[in-house]
């Protein structure tokens, strides 16, 4: 058994750079793909070979399955790493790789398909004893059935796209009069975004933490969990800051949520890396939310606290090697925090693409910056606005927060607006400092205080 000679990275930006670095350390040659708009991108410069797969449009380049497979074939790549986004959770892509004799560095197509159907995944978890939020047993057929169920479980409820993700195809219904309108809005958005208008419903929990667990499995049936990440700092269901361990986690909590995650992974016969996401109520109740069948943006915080290179493990597992560790050998050290630095207006969160005229990244003990940006490069309007991920590690949460504040002060990006000022605000927020916050933190921060004299 041996590792691959050559891996094609079917992605761009910082995650492509991250995978290329892991491959280089494993002695594996790399192939970068790029669109016309990304010809001068950093990931293209780092890879051993590169292939243009189309124009700027994602449909004609990074989501162009035939072009990507052709690039793999002409460069003799033995495996494809999909990164996150684009085709990473596309079961047809995983199947096409298999048919072409190319190893897909990720779960099987069957697992991706089941994980991507949120409604079916809920049903599977419920059968396996993993608690789920009260809601529909299957997809909602009509708005009448949705209304009947909403009355049964009680308002507010949340309608979600079965094939959804990233907050799209999702609507919170607070009262009966709004249900029909929001049902059709969610359905239209889901159909546009995912080509599938199927919806399901859950009880909307207003005060909650969003806690996820990193899992990884091999082809021998071994599955590990690598601890939890708290992703509760969000705006419109988009994660902004992640940390590990969760400020609410005790050893008992970690053991319990970890067991649920492994049970969920076994239910899907999981292989490779993935994330099981949970809702946690203030009283400690844990509910399964969804499983993401790919590498997550926030995986570096787990790497910091466990010392495990998740991307290298993905590649090893895909090549047929067993996991190197057992669950009891996984140790958690210190505290890690990640801030997603986006090319956006920090007040309105509107994308701000453009040329970076000057960039200086922070350094020092316990600081990591994952980026594909450099002085003089252009942040394209065609793709995601993520510029960099700033990750820090400290002996405890207090040191990690102090280190993050220092690193944010050192991070200089000129020529475009970024969310660095927003992250500074969060790090100085009293609720965040105490670790006593929910997914409503950002909304609370942006809501002007009420005047008691009115």
Protein backbone atom coordinates (compact mmCIF):
# COMPACT_ATOMS: atom_id res chain seq x y z
CA UNK A 1 0.00 0.00 0.00
CA UNK A 2 1.33 3.44 -0.90
CA UNK A 3 0.21 7.04 -1.15
CA UNK A 4 -0.71 8.68 -4.45
CA UNK A 5 1.95 9.96 -6.83
CA UNK A 6 -0.16 12.88 -7.96
CA UNK A 7 -3.29 14.64 -6.65
CA UNK A 8 -5.45 17.19 -8.48
CA UNK A 9 -7.08 19.86 -6.30
CA UNK A 10 -10.53 20.67 -7.64
CA UNK A 11 -10.76 24.04 -5.93
CA UNK A 12 -9.19 27.48 -5.62
CA UNK A 13 -8.08 30.01 -3.02
CA UNK A 14 -6.88 29.25 0.48
CA UNK A 15 -8.22 25.69 0.60
CA UNK A 16 -6.36 24.78 -2.60
CA UNK A 17 -3.17 26.19 -1.04
CA UNK A 18 -3.86 24.23 2.15
CA UNK A 19 -4.21 20.91 0.26
CA UNK A 20 -1.14 21.58 -1.89
CA UNK A 21 0.95 22.13 1.24
CA UNK A 22 -0.24 18.86 2.79
CA UNK A 23 0.56 16.99 -0.43
CA UNK A 24 4.04 18.50 -0.63
CA UNK A 25 4.81 17.36 2.92
CA UNK A 26 3.67 13.85 1.97
CA UNK A 27 5.86 13.84 -1.14
CA UNK A 28 2.88 13.94 -3.51
CA UNK A 29 2.95 15.97 -6.74
CA UNK A 30 0.04 18.37 -7.26
CA UNK A 31 -2.13 19.66 -10.09
CA UNK A 32 -3.99 22.96 -9.73
CA UNK A 33 -7.02 23.84 -11.79
CA UNK A 34 -7.93 27.45 -12.47
CA UNK A 35 -10.35 29.64 -14.35
CA UNK A 36 -9.34 32.50 -16.65
CA UNK A 37 -9.91 34.88 -13.72
CA UNK A 38 -7.51 32.91 -11.49
CA UNK A 39 -4.55 32.58 -13.86
CA UNK A 40 -2.26 34.52 -11.48
CA UNK A 41 -3.60 32.96 -8.29
CA UNK A 42 -1.24 31.74 -5.57
CA UNK A 43 -2.47 28.15 -5.69
CA UNK A 44 -1.54 27.99 -9.38
CA UNK A 45 1.99 29.21 -8.60
CA UNK A 46 2.43 26.64 -5.79
CA UNK A 47 1.32 23.51 -7.65
CA UNK A 48 3.65 21.36 -9.71
CA UNK A 49 1.29 21.54 -12.70
CA UNK A 50 -1.79 23.58 -13.58
CA UNK A 51 -4.66 23.31 -16.04
CA UNK A 52 -7.18 25.96 -17.08
CA UNK A 53 -10.67 24.47 -16.89
CA UNK A 54 -12.73 27.36 -18.27
CA UNK A 55 -13.76 31.01 -18.02
CA UNK A 56 -14.52 32.89 -14.80
CA UNK A 57 -18.06 31.53 -14.43
CA UNK A 58 -18.11 28.75 -11.80
CA UNK A 59 -20.52 26.71 -13.93
CA UNK A 60 -17.92 26.69 -16.72
CA UNK A 61 -14.86 26.17 -14.52
CA UNK A 62 -14.86 25.00 -10.89
CA UNK A 63 -18.24 23.30 -11.21
CA UNK A 64 -17.46 21.95 -14.69
CA UNK A 65 -17.26 18.24 -13.94
CA UNK A 66 -16.16 17.04 -17.43
CA UNK A 67 -13.39 19.65 -17.64
CA UNK A 68 -12.05 18.75 -14.20
CA UNK A 69 -12.02 15.03 -14.96
CA UNK A 70 -10.28 15.73 -18.27
CA UNK A 71 -7.65 17.76 -16.41
CA UNK A 72 -7.06 14.81 -14.08
CA UNK A 73 -6.77 12.39 -16.99
CA UNK A 74 -4.34 14.43 -19.10
CA UNK A 75 -2.06 15.02 -16.08
CA UNK A 76 -2.27 11.39 -14.88
CA UNK A 77 -3.59 12.44 -11.46
CA UNK A 78 -4.52 9.40 -9.41
CA UNK A 79 -6.79 11.23 -6.96
CA UNK A 80 -8.86 14.40 -6.65
CA UNK A 81 -9.27 16.47 -3.49
CA UNK A 82 -12.43 18.61 -3.77
CA UNK A 83 -11.73 21.01 -0.86
CA UNK A 84 -14.98 22.63 0.31
CA UNK A 85 -17.76 24.25 -1.72
CA UNK A 86 -18.04 23.77 -5.49
CA UNK A 87 -18.26 20.00 -6.21
CA UNK A 88 -17.15 18.79 -2.76
CA UNK A 89 -20.62 17.53 -1.81
CA UNK A 90 -21.74 16.50 -5.27
CA UNK A 91 -22.42 12.72 -5.35
CA UNK A 92 -22.27 12.70 -9.16
CA UNK A 93 -18.70 13.99 -8.96
CA UNK A 94 -17.69 11.24 -6.51
CA UNK A 95 -19.32 8.64 -8.77
CA UNK A 96 -17.68 10.05 -11.91
CA UNK A 97 -14.26 9.87 -10.25
CA UNK A 98 -14.87 6.23 -9.36
CA UNK A 99 -16.00 5.42 -12.91
CA UNK A 100 -12.89 7.12 -14.31
CA UNK A 101 -10.58 5.14 -12.04
CA UNK A 102 -9.67 8.22 -9.99
CA UNK A 103 -9.81 8.21 -6.18
CA UNK A 104 -12.17 10.80 -4.70
CA UNK A 105 -10.64 12.11 -1.47
CA UNK A 106 -13.86 12.22 0.51
CA UNK A 107 -16.83 10.06 1.49
CA UNK A 108 -18.62 7.70 -0.88
CA UNK A 109 -21.27 9.02 -3.25
CA UNK A 110 -23.91 7.16 -1.24
CA UNK A 111 -22.85 8.88 1.99
CA UNK A 112 -22.74 12.30 0.33
CA UNK A 113 -26.21 11.75 -1.11
CA UNK A 114 -27.72 10.77 2.24
CA UNK A 115 -25.91 13.51 4.14
CA UNK A 116 -27.06 16.09 1.59
CA UNK A 117 -30.70 15.16 2.02
CA UNK A 118 -31.30 16.86 5.37
CA UNK A 119 -34.76 15.37 5.76
CA UNK A 120 -33.58 11.77 5.23
CA UNK A 121 -30.52 12.36 7.40
CA UNK A 122 -32.85 13.45 10.23
CA UNK A 123 -34.88 10.28 9.88
CA UNK A 124 -31.73 8.13 9.84
CA UNK A 125 -30.39 9.77 13.01
CA UNK A 126 -33.68 9.38 14.80
CA UNK A 127 -33.73 5.65 14.03
CA UNK A 128 -30.17 5.30 15.37
CA UNK A 129 -30.93 7.02 18.66
CA UNK A 130 -29.33 10.38 17.90
CA UNK A 131 -31.70 13.11 19.21
CA UNK A 132 -33.17 15.44 16.61
CA UNK A 133 -35.10 18.72 16.93
CA UNK A 134 -38.88 18.14 16.96
CA UNK A 135 -40.15 18.54 13.42
CA UNK A 136 -41.35 16.82 10.26
CA UNK A 137 -40.78 13.10 9.77
CA UNK A 138 -40.22 13.59 6.06
CA UNK A 139 -40.43 16.29 3.39
CA UNK A 140 -43.29 18.80 3.49
CA UNK A 141 -45.61 18.16 0.56
CA UNK A 142 -47.82 21.26 0.69
CA UNK A 143 -48.16 24.49 2.63
CA UNK A 144 -51.31 23.02 4.21
CA UNK A 145 -49.35 20.11 5.69
CA UNK A 146 -46.68 22.58 6.84
CA UNK A 147 -49.29 24.69 8.63
CA UNK A 148 -50.82 21.64 10.30
CA UNK A 149 -47.42 20.53 11.59
CA UNK A 150 -46.44 24.04 12.72
CA UNK A 151 -49.59 24.27 14.83
CA UNK A 152 -48.77 20.89 16.34
CA UNK A 153 -45.18 21.65 17.37
CA UNK A 154 -45.84 25.33 18.09
CA UNK A 155 -44.51 28.60 16.65
CA UNK A 156 -41.85 29.73 15.92
CA UNK A 157 -40.73 27.07 13.43
CA UNK A 158 -38.00 27.03 10.82
CA UNK A 159 -38.49 25.77 7.26
CA UNK A 160 -35.35 24.37 5.64
CA UNK A 161 -34.34 23.06 2.23
CA UNK A 162 -33.76 19.30 2.29
CA UNK A 163 -30.80 19.79 -0.05
CA UNK A 164 -29.77 23.03 1.61
CA UNK A 165 -26.80 24.64 3.26
CA UNK A 166 -25.35 28.05 4.03
CA UNK A 167 -28.69 29.47 5.13
CA UNK A 168 -30.27 29.28 1.68
CA UNK A 169 -33.79 27.92 1.36
CA UNK A 170 -34.33 28.66 5.04
CA UNK A 171 -37.08 30.76 6.64
CA UNK A 172 -38.10 31.37 10.25
CA UNK A 173 -41.89 31.47 10.68
CA UNK A 174 -42.92 33.23 13.88
CA UNK A 175 -46.68 33.26 13.39
CA UNK A 176 -49.37 31.45 11.45
CA UNK A 177 -50.19 34.38 9.12
CA UNK A 178 -46.67 34.33 7.62
CA UNK A 179 -46.35 30.61 6.95
CA UNK A 180 -47.77 30.38 3.42
CA UNK A 181 -45.69 33.29 2.09
CA UNK A 182 -42.45 32.09 3.71
CA UNK A 183 -43.07 28.48 2.64
CA UNK A 184 -43.14 29.49 -1.03
CA UNK A 185 -40.18 31.86 -0.62
CA UNK A 186 -38.07 29.06 0.86
CA UNK A 187 -39.21 26.66 -1.85
CA UNK A 188 -38.30 29.05 -4.67
CA UNK A 189 -34.92 29.84 -3.15
CA UNK A 190 -34.15 26.15 -2.60
CA UNK A 191 -35.10 25.33 -6.19
CA UNK A 192 -32.89 28.12 -7.53
CA UNK A 193 -29.92 27.34 -5.29
CA UNK A 194 -29.97 23.53 -5.28
CA UNK A 195 -32.28 22.47 -8.11
CA UNK A 196 -34.48 20.84 -5.46
CA UNK A 197 -37.44 22.59 -3.83
CA UNK A 198 -38.07 19.93 -1.17
CA UNK A 199 -38.50 21.35 2.34
CA UNK A 200 -38.72 20.10 5.91
CA UNK A 201 -39.60 21.76 9.21
CA UNK A 202 -38.16 21.95 12.71
CA UNK A 203 -39.10 23.69 15.92
CA UNK A 204 -37.15 26.96 15.96
CA UNK A 205 -35.03 27.18 19.07
CA UNK A 206 -34.48 30.88 19.72
CA UNK A 207 -31.68 30.65 22.30
CA UNK A 208 -29.10 28.12 21.18
CA UNK A 209 -25.45 27.33 20.61
CA UNK A 210 -24.23 25.88 17.33
CA UNK A 211 -21.69 23.18 18.19
CA UNK A 212 -20.18 20.77 15.67
CA UNK A 213 -17.93 17.73 15.97
CA UNK A 214 -15.10 16.80 13.59
CA UNK A 215 -15.17 13.13 12.63
CA UNK A 216 -12.96 10.99 10.42
CA UNK A 217 -13.34 7.36 9.40
CA UNK A 218 -11.26 4.87 7.47
CA UNK A 219 -12.14 2.01 5.13
CA UNK A 220 -11.69 -0.50 7.97
CA UNK A 221 -14.70 0.83 9.87
CA UNK A 222 -12.71 2.84 12.43
CA UNK A 223 -14.24 6.23 13.29
CA UNK A 224 -12.77 8.96 15.50
CA UNK A 225 -14.17 12.22 16.75
CA UNK A 226 -11.68 15.05 17.18
CA UNK A 227 -13.64 17.12 19.66
CA UNK A 228 -16.11 19.94 19.24
CA UNK A 229 -16.02 23.39 17.67
CA UNK A 230 -18.32 26.21 18.73
CA UNK A 231 -19.66 28.07 15.67
CA UNK A 232 -22.25 30.24 17.41
CA UNK A 233 -20.88 33.59 16.18
CA UNK A 234 -22.88 33.86 12.97
CA UNK A 235 -24.69 36.33 10.77
CA UNK A 236 -27.66 35.08 8.74
CA UNK A 237 -26.58 31.47 9.39
CA UNK A 238 -23.08 32.18 8.03
CA UNK A 239 -20.27 31.31 10.45
CA UNK A 240 -17.85 34.13 11.26
CA UNK A 241 -15.81 32.94 14.26
CA UNK A 242 -15.19 29.38 15.44
CA UNK A 243 -13.39 28.04 18.48
CA UNK A 244 -12.40 24.78 20.12
CA UNK A 245 -13.17 23.67 22.72
CA UNK A 246 -16.62 25.20 23.11
CA UNK A 247 -16.81 27.57 26.10
CA UNK A 248 -19.78 25.50 27.35
CA UNK A 249 -17.99 22.14 27.08
CA UNK A 250 -17.25 20.03 30.12
CA UNK A 251 -15.60 16.61 29.84
CA UNK A 252 -19.05 15.06 30.26
CA UNK A 253 -20.49 17.26 27.48
CA UNK A 254 -17.61 16.45 25.10
CA UNK A 255 -17.99 12.72 25.74
CA UNK A 256 -21.74 12.86 25.11
CA UNK A 257 -21.68 14.99 21.95
CA UNK A 258 -18.69 12.99 20.65
CA UNK A 259 -20.59 9.74 21.10
CA UNK A 260 -23.56 11.17 19.22
CA UNK A 261 -21.25 12.24 16.38
CA UNK A 262 -19.63 8.81 16.09
CA UNK A 263 -23.05 7.16 16.19
CA UNK A 264 -24.19 9.48 13.38
CA UNK A 265 -21.08 8.66 11.34
CA UNK A 266 -21.61 4.93 11.79
CA UNK A 267 -25.21 5.30 10.63
CA UNK A 268 -23.87 6.67 7.32
CA UNK A 269 -20.97 4.16 7.15
CA UNK A 270 -18.74 7.21 7.06
CA UNK A 271 -15.30 7.22 5.49
CA UNK A 272 -12.90 10.19 5.36
CA UNK A 273 -13.39 13.56 7.09
CA UNK A 274 -16.74 15.17 7.90
CA UNK A 275 -18.57 17.24 10.47
CA UNK A 276 -21.68 16.48 12.49
CA UNK A 277 -23.49 19.67 13.50
CA UNK A 278 -25.66 20.06 16.59
CA UNK A 279 -27.95 22.55 18.27
CA UNK A 280 -27.41 22.93 22.02
CA UNK A 281 -30.13 24.47 24.20
CA UNK A 282 -29.34 26.54 27.31
CA UNK A 283 -30.35 23.59 29.52
CA UNK A 284 -27.80 21.38 27.77
CA UNK A 285 -30.13 19.42 25.46
CA UNK A 286 -28.26 18.35 22.31
CA UNK A 287 -30.00 17.90 18.95
CA UNK A 288 -28.60 16.70 15.62
CA UNK A 289 -28.85 19.37 12.92
CA UNK A 290 -26.97 18.07 9.87
CA UNK A 291 -23.84 16.32 8.65
CA UNK A 292 -21.44 18.02 6.27
CA UNK A 293 -19.70 15.42 4.10
CA UNK A 294 -16.53 17.40 3.40
CA UNK A 295 -13.67 19.32 4.96
CA UNK A 296 -14.91 22.41 6.81
CA UNK A 297 -13.55 25.94 6.50
CA UNK A 298 -12.90 25.90 10.26
CA UNK A 299 -10.90 22.66 10.42
CA UNK A 300 -7.67 24.46 11.54
CA UNK A 301 -8.98 25.08 15.06
CA UNK A 302 -9.30 21.32 15.53
CA UNK A 303 -5.82 20.80 14.09
CA UNK A 304 -4.41 23.25 16.64
CA UNK A 305 -5.99 21.58 19.70
CA UNK A 306 -5.39 17.97 18.61
CA UNK A 307 -2.12 18.25 16.68
CA UNK A 308 -3.69 16.13 13.92
CA UNK A 309 -3.31 17.24 10.30
CA UNK A 310 -6.82 16.54 9.03
CA UNK A 311 -5.96 17.03 5.34
CA UNK A 312 -3.08 14.55 5.53
CA UNK A 313 -5.41 12.09 7.27
CA UNK A 314 -7.94 12.56 4.46
CA UNK A 315 -5.31 11.67 1.88
CA UNK A 316 -4.01 8.68 3.86
CA UNK A 317 -7.50 7.28 4.43
CA UNK A 318 -8.41 7.72 0.75
CA UNK A 319 -5.27 5.76 -0.17
CA UNK A 320 -6.48 2.87 1.99
CA UNK A 321 -4.40 3.40 5.12
CA UNK A 322 -6.08 2.90 8.52
CA UNK A 323 -6.34 5.75 11.01
CA UNK A 324 -3.12 6.11 12.98
CA UNK A 325 -4.81 6.76 16.32
CA UNK A 326 -7.51 5.27 18.52
CA UNK A 327 -10.08 7.45 20.27
CA UNK A 328 -8.33 7.29 23.66
CA UNK A 329 -5.10 8.48 22.02
CA UNK A 330 -6.68 11.74 20.81
CA UNK A 331 -5.58 14.47 23.23
CA UNK A 332 -6.91 18.01 23.42
CA UNK A 333 -4.47 20.77 24.33
CA UNK A 334 -5.20 24.45 24.89
CA UNK A 335 -7.73 26.62 23.06
CA UNK A 336 -7.98 27.74 19.42
CA UNK A 337 -10.01 30.50 17.75
CA UNK A 338 -10.52 31.24 14.05
CA UNK A 339 -11.70 34.49 12.48
CA UNK A 340 -12.83 34.46 8.84
CA UNK A 341 -11.46 37.59 7.19
CA UNK A 342 -13.74 38.48 4.28
CA UNK A 343 -13.48 41.18 1.62
CA UNK A 344 -16.64 42.85 2.88
CA UNK A 345 -17.79 46.12 4.37
CA UNK A 346 -17.47 45.40 8.13
CA UNK A 347 -20.69 47.24 8.94
CA UNK A 348 -23.01 46.18 6.11
CA UNK A 349 -21.30 42.88 5.10
CA UNK A 350 -21.48 43.85 1.42
CA UNK A 351 -18.75 42.23 -0.74
CA UNK A 352 -15.86 44.57 -1.57
CA UNK A 353 -13.76 42.96 -4.31
CA UNK A 354 -10.74 44.76 -5.71
CA UNK A 355 -6.96 44.93 -5.75
CA UNK A 356 -4.97 44.45 -2.54
CA UNK A 357 -2.38 47.22 -2.66
CA UNK A 358 -0.60 46.14 0.54
CA UNK A 359 -0.90 43.13 2.81
CA UNK A 360 1.03 42.21 5.97
CA UNK A 361 0.04 39.07 7.87
CA UNK A 362 0.48 38.57 11.62
CA UNK A 363 2.95 36.09 13.10
CA UNK A 364 4.48 35.08 16.39
CA UNK A 365 3.75 32.16 18.73
CA UNK A 366 0.52 30.26 18.14
CA UNK A 367 -0.58 32.23 15.06
CA UNK A 368 -1.55 30.68 11.72
CA UNK A 369 -2.83 32.43 8.59
CA UNK A 370 -4.42 30.40 5.80
CA UNK A 371 -4.67 32.55 2.67
CA UNK A 372 -4.07 32.65 -1.07
CA UNK A 373 -3.78 36.45 -1.17
CA UNK A 374 -0.59 38.48 -1.68
CA UNK A 375 0.48 42.06 -2.37
CA UNK A 376 -0.92 43.24 -5.69
CA UNK A 377 -3.39 40.39 -6.19
CA UNK A 378 -7.05 40.97 -6.96
CA UNK A 379 -10.00 39.68 -4.95
CA UNK A 380 -12.36 38.58 -7.69
CA UNK A 381 -16.04 39.45 -7.74
CA UNK A 382 -16.75 36.03 -9.28
CA UNK A 383 -16.11 33.97 -6.15
CA UNK A 384 -16.48 33.78 -2.38
CA UNK A 385 -15.27 36.86 -0.49
CA UNK A 386 -13.01 34.93 1.93
CA UNK A 387 -9.57 36.58 1.97
CA UNK A 388 -7.92 34.71 4.83
CA UNK A 389 -8.48 32.62 7.92
CA UNK A 390 -6.69 33.85 11.02
CA UNK A 391 -6.27 31.09 13.59
CA UNK A 392 -4.60 31.34 16.99
CA UNK A 393 -3.80 28.84 19.75
CA UNK A 394 -3.24 29.50 23.42
CA UNK A 395 -2.86 27.60 26.68
CA UNK A 396 -6.45 28.53 27.54
CA UNK A 397 -9.30 30.64 26.16
CA UNK A 398 -8.05 33.80 27.86
CA UNK A 399 -4.64 33.56 26.20
CA UNK A 400 -6.20 32.62 22.84
CA UNK A 401 -8.43 35.73 22.94
CA UNK A 402 -5.50 37.98 23.84
CA UNK A 403 -3.45 36.44 21.04
CA UNK A 404 -6.28 36.91 18.54
CA UNK A 405 -6.67 40.57 19.49
CA UNK A 406 -2.93 41.08 19.01
CA UNK A 407 -2.96 39.25 15.66
CA UNK A 408 -5.95 41.24 14.38
CA UNK A 409 -4.09 44.46 15.22
CA UNK A 410 -1.09 43.20 13.21
CA UNK A 411 -3.15 42.17 10.17
CA UNK A 412 -2.95 44.91 7.55
CA UNK A 413 -4.87 44.74 4.27
CA UNK A 414 -5.07 47.88 2.13
CA UNK A 415 -6.95 48.57 -1.09
CA UNK A 416 -10.16 46.79 -0.06
CA UNK A 417 -12.43 46.77 2.96
CA UNK A 418 -12.35 43.67 5.20
CA UNK A 419 -14.17 42.34 8.25
CA UNK A 420 -11.14 42.79 10.54
CA UNK A 421 -12.83 45.70 12.42
CA UNK A 422 -15.91 43.52 12.98
CA UNK A 423 -13.82 40.74 14.52
CA UNK A 424 -12.18 43.26 16.87
CA UNK A 425 -15.65 44.31 18.02
CA UNK A 426 -16.63 40.72 18.76
CA UNK A 427 -13.39 40.00 20.67
CA UNK A 428 -14.15 43.01 22.90
CA UNK A 429 -17.81 42.12 23.43
CA UNK A 430 -18.52 41.31 27.12
CA UNK A 431 -20.75 38.31 26.29
CA UNK A 432 -18.12 36.83 23.99
CA UNK A 433 -15.38 37.40 26.55
CA UNK A 434 -17.44 35.56 29.19
CA UNK A 435 -18.31 32.79 26.71
CA UNK A 436 -21.98 33.40 27.42
CA UNK A 437 -23.56 33.94 24.02
CA UNK A 438 -25.84 32.29 21.48
CA UNK A 439 -26.27 32.38 17.70
CA UNK A 440 -28.04 35.73 18.24
CA UNK A 441 -24.87 37.49 19.44
CA UNK A 442 -24.16 39.45 16.24
CA UNK A 443 -27.79 40.52 15.90
CA UNK A 444 -27.72 41.65 19.53
CA UNK A 445 -24.50 43.60 18.92
CA UNK A 446 -26.04 45.36 15.92
CA UNK A 447 -29.30 46.24 17.68
CA UNK A 448 -29.31 49.75 19.15
CA UNK A 449 -30.06 49.80 22.91
CA UNK A 450 -33.63 50.66 23.85
CA UNK A 451 -34.29 54.01 25.48
CA UNK A 452 -36.07 53.26 28.78
CA UNK A 453 -37.52 56.82 28.86
CA UNK A 454 -39.59 56.26 25.72
